[in-house]
Amino acid sequence: MSNRNTMIRPLDYCETTTQIATSLETIDARIEELITLREVYRNKQRALAEQETINVLEHNNEQ
């Protein structure tokens, strides 16, 4: 089941186990998406850190 357009129903408004299950599936899918996105950010952070280190070394070598 695709949960991309499924909303997380507020718990107080869940009246059936199906509504709770759907919300839980949506929560799990969003957590997976966020974990994947976090890894993308970490990769970018590592790449920028490496470039910053290279820039500092090049600057120091120019002096």
C-alpha atoms as a PDB file:
ATOM      1  CA  MET A   1       0.000   0.000   0.000  1.00  0.00           C
ATOM      2  CA  SER A   2       1.349   3.419  -0.910  1.00  0.00           C
ATOM      3  CA  ASN A   3       1.288   5.820   2.002  1.00  0.00           C
ATOM      4  CA  ARG A   4       2.625   8.866   0.211  1.00  0.00           C
ATOM      5  CA  ASN A   5      -0.744  10.641   0.201  1.00  0.00           C
ATOM      6  CA  THR A   6      -2.088   9.002   3.338  1.00  0.00           C
ATOM      7  CA  MET A   7      -2.419  11.240   6.326  1.00  0.00           C
ATOM      8  CA  ILE A   8      -1.683  10.239   9.872  1.00  0.00           C
ATOM      9  CA  ARG A   9      -5.041  10.334  11.578  1.00  0.00           C
ATOM     10  CA  PRO A  10      -4.861  11.884  15.065  1.00  0.00           C
ATOM     11  CA  LEU A  11      -5.095   9.057  17.564  1.00  0.00           C
ATOM     12  CA  ASP A  12      -8.137  10.575  19.273  1.00  0.00           C
ATOM     13  CA  TYR A  13     -10.001  10.328  15.952  1.00  0.00           C
ATOM     14  CA  CYS A  14      -9.112   6.699  15.233  1.00  0.00           C
ATOM     15  CA  GLU A  15     -12.276   4.689  15.604  1.00  0.00           C
ATOM     16  CA  THR A  16     -11.227   1.383  14.024  1.00  0.00           C
ATOM     17  CA  THR A  17      -8.186  -0.846  14.061  1.00  0.00           C
ATOM     18  CA  THR A  18      -7.915  -0.308  10.299  1.00  0.00           C
ATOM     19  CA  GLN A  19      -7.536   3.443  10.794  1.00  0.00           C
ATOM     20  CA  ILE A  20      -4.828   2.853  13.390  1.00  0.00           C
ATOM     21  CA  ALA A  21      -3.052   0.326  11.155  1.00  0.00           C
ATOM     22  CA  THR A  22      -3.117   2.739   8.209  1.00  0.00           C
ATOM     23  CA  SER A  23      -1.697   5.522  10.361  1.00  0.00           C
ATOM     24  CA  LEU A  24       1.036   3.211  11.664  1.00  0.00           C
ATOM     25  CA  GLU A  25       1.956   2.202   8.105  1.00  0.00           C
ATOM     26  CA  THR A  26       2.142   5.867   7.145  1.00  0.00           C
ATOM     27  CA  ILE A  27       4.314   6.669  10.165  1.00  0.00           C
ATOM     28  CA  ASP A  28       6.661   3.778   9.310  1.00  0.00           C
ATOM     29  CA  ALA A  29       6.898   4.876   5.667  1.00  0.00           C
ATOM     30  CA  ARG A  30       7.698   8.453   6.656  1.00  0.00           C
ATOM     31  CA  ILE A  31      10.349   7.282   9.108  1.00  0.00           C
ATOM     32  CA  GLU A  32      11.984   5.261   6.313  1.00  0.00           C
ATOM     33  CA  GLU A  33      11.867   8.296   4.006  1.00  0.00           C
ATOM     34  CA  LEU A  34      13.445  10.486   6.695  1.00  0.00           C
ATOM     35  CA  ILE A  35      16.203   7.964   7.391  1.00  0.00           C
ATOM     36  CA  THR A  36      17.006   7.883   3.676  1.00  0.00           C
ATOM     37  CA  LEU A  37      16.962  11.680   3.518  1.00  0.00           C
ATOM     38  CA  ARG A  38      19.236  11.878   6.576  1.00  0.00           C
ATOM     39  CA  GLU A  39      21.786   9.709   4.766  1.00  0.00           C
ATOM     40  CA  VAL A  40      21.662  12.027   1.739  1.00  0.00           C
ATOM     41  CA  TYR A  41      22.356  14.983   4.043  1.00  0.00           C
ATOM     42  CA  ARG A  42      25.205  13.142   5.758  1.00  0.00           C
ATOM     43  CA  ASN A  43      26.772  12.294   2.406  1.00  0.00           C
ATOM     44  CA  LYS A  44      26.573  15.952   1.369  1.00  0.00           C
ATOM     45  CA  GLN A  45      28.047  16.984   4.720  1.00  0.00           C
ATOM     46  CA  ARG A  46      30.980  14.597   4.253  1.00  0.00           C
ATOM     47  CA  ALA A  47      31.571  15.831   0.709  1.00  0.00           C
ATOM     48  CA  LEU A  48      31.533  19.461   1.822  1.00  0.00           C
ATOM     49  CA  ALA A  49      33.845  18.711   4.748  1.00  0.00           C
ATOM     50  CA  GLU A  50      36.311  17.039   2.401  1.00  0.00           C
ATOM     51  CA  GLN A  51      36.174  20.007   0.034  1.00  0.00           C
ATOM     52  CA  GLU A  52      36.643  22.447   2.917  1.00  0.00           C
ATOM     53  CA  THR A  53      39.711  20.489   4.035  1.00  0.00           C
ATOM     54  CA  ILE A  54      41.114  20.557   0.509  1.00  0.00           C
ATOM     55  CA  ASN A  55      40.491  24.298   0.298  1.00  0.00           C
ATOM     56  CA  VAL A  56      42.319  24.910   3.590  1.00  0.00           C
ATOM     57  CA  LEU A  57      45.265  22.764   2.503  1.00  0.00           C
ATOM     58  CA  GLU A  58      45.472  24.532  -0.853  1.00  0.00           C
ATOM     59  CA  HIS A  59      45.288  27.910   0.864  1.00  0.00           C
ATOM     60  CA  ASN A  60      48.061  26.913   3.288  1.00  0.00           C
ATOM     61  CA  ASN A  61      50.244  25.678   0.419  1.00  0.00           C
ATOM     62  CA  GLU A  62      49.845  29.004  -1.379  1.00  0.00           C
ATOM     63  CA  GLN A  63      51.311  30.920   1.545  1.00  0.00           C
END
